[in-house]
Amino acid sequence: MGVHGVKAVFFDLDNTLVDTAAAGRRAIEEVVKALRSKHHCGEGDARGICDKVQAKLLKECHDPAKMCITELRISHWEEAIQETIGGEANRSLAAECYFLWKATRLRHLTLAEDTRGMLTELRKAVRLLLLTNGDRQTQREKIEACACQPYFDAIVVGGEQKEEKPAPSIFHYCCDLLGVQPAECVMVGDSLDTDIQGGLNAGLRATVWLNKSMAAPADASPVPHYVISSVLDLPAVLQKIEHKVKLGTDRAAGGTEAR
C-alpha cells in the first residue's frame, strides 16, 4: 500500500473487532442466574426483566448533560423489574442487576489473537484508527476492557464529538487526526446505517461491510464497496483495492464486490 493507495483504515468496534453481542448474551445469562438463585425469581420473570432491559437499550436516547449513563441504565433495570413483577420500585436490586450485567459483559469483551495479529501486520503498511459510536464512558470502558489501544494510531469515540457516524464531520475529523484525505481511507464495520453510510457520506475511498451471516440486506440499504464475512478477510480486500488503484479502476461504477 503505497503513496497513491490506501493510507488509513478506520475500524468500528462493537461486533466488528469485538463480539459485543455475544458478551451481552453471557451477561444476561449471569443476571438471570442471579435473579433466580439469589432473589428467588421465576425463570419466566427473570427472562422477562432481561428482555425488557434489552428492548430499552435498543431504544435508548442518552443525553450526558442531563443524566450519566450509569443512572440511566440502572433506571432501565428498575423499570423492567417493576413492569414485570410489580410492587414498589427496587433501586438496589436494579443497581445490582446493572453492575453484574456490565461487569460480565466487559469481562467477555476480548480482541481475538488472530485479530490482534492482523492489526499488527496492517499497521506496518497503513495507519489504523478506531471509530466507535456511543456514550463516552461506556465505549472507553469497552476499549480498556479489550485492551485494543496499542493497535491503533488514534481512537475516536462518537460520544466525545459533536456528531457521530454516519455524519461526514466525524470521518473528516478522523482524516485530520491522521493527516490523510478521505480518498485515502477505508471504513470497516458491521452497520450499514452508520459505518457504511457514513463512509459513503464522507467520500472515503472504500467501505467494507462485515456481514458475518452473509444475509441479504434490505433493498433500501446503503451499498458497500466490499462485503466480508470475517474481519480477517480485510487484508485481501485491501490488496484488491491497491491493485485497482494501480490499474486506475478503483472508482469504476458497479455495485458491491462480495468475498
Protein backbone atom coordinates (compact mmCIF):
# COMPACT_ATOMS: atom_id res chain seq x y z
CA MET A 1 0.00 0.00 0.00
CA GLY A 2 1.86 2.98 -1.30
CA VAL A 3 1.65 6.70 -1.85
CA HIS A 4 -1.27 6.55 -4.28
CA GLY A 5 -3.33 3.93 -2.49
CA VAL A 6 -4.87 3.38 0.93
CA LYS A 7 -3.11 5.24 3.73
CA ALA A 8 -5.54 4.61 6.60
CA VAL A 9 -8.18 2.16 7.72
CA PHE A 10 -10.97 3.09 10.14
CA PHE A 11 -12.44 0.25 12.20
CA ASP A 12 -15.72 0.09 14.05
CA LEU A 13 -15.51 -1.58 17.48
CA ASP A 14 -18.75 -3.30 18.53
CA ASN A 15 -19.48 -6.51 16.62
CA THR A 16 -16.65 -5.71 14.21
CA LEU A 17 -13.46 -6.11 16.23
CA VAL A 18 -15.08 -7.47 19.40
CA ASP A 19 -18.22 -9.61 19.72
CA THR A 20 -20.29 -7.30 21.90
CA ALA A 21 -23.49 -9.20 21.13
CA ALA A 22 -22.05 -12.49 22.44
CA ALA A 23 -20.64 -10.76 25.54
CA GLY A 24 -24.08 -9.25 26.13
CA ARG A 25 -25.74 -12.66 25.94
CA ARG A 26 -23.30 -14.02 28.52
CA ALA A 27 -24.07 -11.04 30.75
CA ILE A 28 -27.83 -11.60 30.50
CA GLU A 29 -27.42 -15.25 31.49
CA GLU A 30 -25.49 -14.22 34.60
CA VAL A 31 -28.26 -11.82 35.61
CA VAL A 32 -30.94 -14.46 35.03
CA LYS A 33 -28.96 -16.89 37.17
CA ALA A 34 -28.60 -14.32 39.98
CA LEU A 35 -32.27 -13.34 39.89
CA ARG A 36 -33.31 -16.98 40.16
CA SER A 37 -30.81 -18.19 42.78
CA LYS A 38 -30.37 -15.14 44.97
CA HIS A 39 -33.71 -13.38 44.61
CA HIS A 40 -35.97 -16.40 44.03
CA CYS A 41 -37.32 -15.02 40.79
CA GLY A 42 -39.01 -17.47 38.44
CA GLU A 43 -37.36 -18.29 35.10
CA GLY A 44 -40.10 -16.51 33.16
CA ASP A 45 -39.93 -13.34 35.23
CA ALA A 46 -36.13 -13.27 35.21
CA ARG A 47 -36.01 -13.55 31.43
CA GLY A 48 -38.89 -11.11 31.09
CA ILE A 49 -36.94 -8.49 33.06
CA CYS A 50 -33.87 -9.01 30.89
CA ASP A 51 -35.90 -8.88 27.67
CA LYS A 52 -37.42 -5.57 28.72
CA VAL A 53 -33.99 -4.15 29.53
CA GLN A 54 -32.63 -5.18 26.16
CA ALA A 55 -35.60 -3.51 24.46
CA LYS A 56 -34.91 -0.33 26.45
CA LEU A 57 -31.23 -0.42 25.46
CA LEU A 58 -32.17 -0.64 21.78
CA LYS A 59 -34.37 2.46 22.08
CA GLU A 60 -32.01 4.29 24.45
CA CYS A 61 -31.64 8.03 23.90
CA HIS A 62 -28.96 9.37 26.20
CA ASP A 63 -28.09 12.99 26.88
CA PRO A 64 -24.98 13.02 29.12
CA ALA A 65 -25.68 16.64 30.04
CA LYS A 66 -28.88 15.55 31.79
CA MET A 67 -28.01 12.14 33.26
CA CYS A 68 -24.95 9.90 33.47
CA ILE A 69 -25.14 6.59 31.65
CA THR A 70 -24.94 4.63 34.91
CA GLU A 71 -28.07 6.25 36.36
CA LEU A 72 -29.93 5.86 33.09
CA ARG A 73 -29.17 2.15 32.81
CA ILE A 74 -29.99 1.44 36.43
CA SER A 75 -33.33 3.09 35.67
CA HIS A 76 -33.81 0.67 32.75
CA TRP A 77 -33.45 -2.25 35.14
CA GLU A 78 -35.63 -0.60 37.79
CA GLU A 79 -38.44 -0.04 35.29
CA ALA A 80 -38.12 -3.54 33.84
CA ILE A 81 -38.33 -5.13 37.31
CA GLN A 82 -41.38 -3.09 38.24
CA GLU A 83 -43.08 -3.73 34.88
CA THR A 84 -42.50 -7.48 35.21
CA ILE A 85 -43.17 -8.30 38.86
CA GLY A 86 -44.96 -5.17 40.11
CA GLY A 87 -44.65 -3.79 43.64
CA GLU A 88 -42.56 -0.88 44.80
CA ALA A 89 -39.59 0.36 42.81
CA ASN A 90 -36.45 -1.51 43.84
CA ARG A 91 -33.44 0.65 43.02
CA SER A 92 -30.97 -1.50 44.94
CA LEU A 93 -31.93 -4.67 43.05
CA ALA A 94 -31.84 -2.71 39.78
CA ALA A 95 -28.32 -1.48 40.57
CA GLU A 96 -27.18 -5.00 41.46
CA CYS A 97 -28.51 -6.32 38.15
CA TYR A 98 -26.96 -3.49 36.16
CA PHE A 99 -23.48 -3.78 37.67
CA LEU A 100 -23.49 -7.58 37.27
CA TRP A 101 -24.57 -7.22 33.63
CA LYS A 102 -21.97 -4.55 32.96
CA ALA A 103 -19.07 -6.36 34.67
CA THR A 104 -19.86 -9.65 32.94
CA ARG A 105 -20.17 -8.03 29.52
CA LEU A 106 -16.85 -6.20 29.91
CA ARG A 107 -15.14 -9.38 31.11
CA HIS A 108 -16.15 -11.20 27.93
CA LEU A 109 -15.13 -8.42 25.53
CA THR A 110 -11.89 -9.70 24.06
CA LEU A 111 -9.85 -8.84 21.00
CA ALA A 112 -9.11 -12.23 19.46
CA GLU A 113 -5.49 -13.23 18.98
CA ASP A 114 -5.84 -13.58 15.20
CA THR A 115 -7.46 -10.13 15.02
CA ARG A 116 -4.58 -8.66 17.05
CA GLY A 117 -2.14 -10.28 14.65
CA MET A 118 -3.96 -8.85 11.63
CA LEU A 119 -3.98 -5.33 13.12
CA THR A 120 -0.28 -5.57 13.92
CA GLU A 121 0.56 -6.54 10.34
CA LEU A 122 -1.74 -3.93 8.80
CA ARG A 123 -0.21 -1.18 10.90
CA LYS A 124 3.14 -1.83 9.25
CA ALA A 125 1.66 -0.55 5.98
CA VAL A 126 -1.20 1.84 6.89
CA ARG A 127 -2.40 3.96 9.78
CA LEU A 128 -5.22 2.49 11.86
CA LEU A 129 -7.99 4.36 13.64
CA LEU A 130 -10.77 3.06 15.86
CA LEU A 131 -14.05 4.90 15.28
CA THR A 132 -16.91 3.92 17.58
CA ASN A 133 -20.30 5.47 18.26
CA GLY A 134 -21.75 5.64 21.75
CA ASP A 135 -21.53 7.16 25.19
CA ARG A 136 -18.02 8.25 26.17
CA GLN A 137 -17.88 6.31 29.45
CA THR A 138 -19.39 3.13 28.02
CA GLN A 139 -17.13 2.99 24.97
CA ARG A 140 -13.96 3.94 26.83
CA GLU A 141 -14.65 1.12 29.31
CA LYS A 142 -15.03 -1.33 26.42
CA ILE A 143 -11.81 -0.10 24.82
CA GLU A 144 -9.95 -0.59 28.08
CA ALA A 145 -11.55 -4.00 28.69
CA CYS A 146 -10.46 -5.42 25.34
CA ALA A 147 -7.05 -3.69 25.54
CA CYS A 148 -7.09 -2.56 21.92
CA GLN A 149 -5.36 0.81 22.38
CA PRO A 150 -1.85 -0.36 21.37
CA TYR A 151 -3.06 -1.44 17.93
CA PHE A 152 -4.28 1.99 16.80
CA ASP A 153 -2.74 5.32 15.89
CA ALA A 154 -5.86 7.10 17.13
CA ILE A 155 -9.18 6.31 18.82
CA VAL A 156 -12.31 8.41 18.29
CA VAL A 157 -15.49 7.96 20.33
CA GLY A 158 -18.66 9.42 18.88
CA GLY A 159 -19.98 10.48 22.26
CA GLU A 160 -16.99 12.80 22.63
CA GLN A 161 -17.64 14.58 19.32
CA LYS A 162 -20.30 16.99 18.05
CA GLU A 163 -21.69 14.35 15.70
CA GLU A 164 -21.46 10.56 15.44
CA LYS A 165 -21.41 8.20 12.47
CA PRO A 166 -22.87 8.50 9.82
CA ALA A 167 -22.23 12.27 9.87
CA PRO A 168 -19.39 13.19 7.48
CA SER A 169 -17.89 15.54 10.08
CA ILE A 170 -16.64 12.76 12.36
CA PHE A 171 -14.98 10.97 9.43
CA HIS A 172 -13.31 14.19 8.31
CA TYR A 173 -12.15 14.75 11.89
CA CYS A 174 -10.56 11.28 11.79
CA CYS A 175 -8.84 12.11 8.50
CA ASP A 176 -7.45 15.30 10.00
CA LEU A 177 -6.17 13.40 13.04
CA LEU A 178 -4.16 11.08 10.81
CA GLY A 179 -3.17 13.69 8.25
CA VAL A 180 -4.83 11.89 5.35
CA GLN A 181 -7.51 12.63 2.76
CA PRO A 182 -10.91 10.85 2.66
CA ALA A 183 -9.99 9.30 -0.69
CA GLU A 184 -7.04 7.60 1.04
CA CYS A 185 -9.18 5.90 3.71
CA VAL A 186 -11.25 2.75 4.09
CA MET A 187 -14.05 2.22 6.64
CA VAL A 188 -14.71 -1.26 8.03
CA GLY A 189 -17.80 -2.03 10.11
CA ASP A 190 -20.87 -4.16 10.65
CA SER A 191 -23.51 -1.42 10.41
CA LEU A 192 -24.83 -0.37 7.01
CA ASP A 193 -26.60 2.63 8.55
CA THR A 194 -23.64 4.10 10.44
CA ASP A 195 -20.36 2.62 9.19
CA ILE A 196 -21.13 2.16 5.51
CA GLN A 197 -23.47 5.11 5.04
CA GLY A 198 -21.03 7.27 6.97
CA GLY A 199 -18.09 6.22 4.83
CA LEU A 200 -20.09 6.93 1.69
CA ASN A 201 -21.25 10.30 3.05
CA ALA A 202 -17.65 11.29 3.80
CA GLY A 203 -16.31 10.28 0.39
CA LEU A 204 -13.91 7.59 1.61
CA ARG A 205 -12.11 5.51 -0.99
CA ALA A 206 -13.94 2.36 0.05
CA THR A 207 -16.37 0.92 2.57
CA VAL A 208 -16.14 -2.68 3.75
CA TRP A 209 -19.23 -4.23 5.35
CA LEU A 210 -18.67 -7.04 7.83
CA ASN A 211 -21.68 -9.32 7.30
CA LYS A 212 -20.97 -12.40 9.41
CA SER A 213 -24.20 -14.15 8.44
CA MET A 214 -23.91 -13.08 4.77
CA ALA A 215 -27.65 -12.35 4.91
CA ALA A 216 -29.05 -10.16 2.14
CA PRO A 217 -29.56 -6.53 3.22
CA ALA A 218 -32.83 -4.66 2.77
CA ASP A 219 -33.34 -3.16 -0.69
CA ALA A 220 -33.10 0.40 0.60
CA SER A 221 -29.84 -0.17 2.48
CA PRO A 222 -26.61 1.66 1.62
CA VAL A 223 -24.45 -0.33 -0.80
CA PRO A 224 -20.89 -1.01 0.42
CA HIS A 225 -17.97 -1.35 -1.95
CA TYR A 226 -16.98 -4.71 -0.45
CA VAL A 227 -18.57 -7.35 1.77
CA ILE A 228 -16.65 -9.75 4.01
CA SER A 229 -17.86 -12.45 6.39
CA SER A 230 -14.84 -12.19 8.72
CA VAL A 231 -12.72 -9.20 9.64
CA LEU A 232 -9.72 -11.42 8.88
CA ASP A 233 -10.66 -11.19 5.19
CA LEU A 234 -9.80 -7.49 5.20
CA PRO A 235 -6.12 -7.74 4.10
CA ALA A 236 -7.19 -9.47 0.87
CA VAL A 237 -9.71 -6.69 0.21
CA LEU A 238 -7.06 -4.03 0.78
CA GLN A 239 -4.79 -5.79 -1.69
CA LYS A 240 -7.63 -5.79 -4.20
CA ILE A 241 -8.20 -2.06 -3.68
CA GLU A 242 -4.47 -1.42 -4.12
CA HIS A 243 -4.47 -3.43 -7.34
CA LYS A 244 -7.39 -1.39 -8.67
CA VAL A 245 -5.58 1.83 -7.77
CA LYS A 246 -2.58 0.72 -9.83
CA LEU A 247 -4.88 -0.14 -12.74
CA GLY A 248 -6.80 3.11 -12.32
CA THR A 249 -10.12 1.28 -11.96
CA ASP A 250 -10.86 1.76 -8.26
CA ARG A 251 -13.57 4.39 -8.88
CA ALA A 252 -15.36 2.45 -11.61
CA ALA A 253 -19.11 2.09 -11.17
CA GLY A 254 -20.72 -1.20 -10.38
CA GLY A 255 -22.16 -2.37 -7.03
CA THR A 256 -20.75 -4.50 -4.31
CA GLU A 257 -17.88 -6.90 -4.66
CA ALA A 258 -18.58 -9.72 -2.23
CA ARG A 259 -15.98 -12.08 -0.82
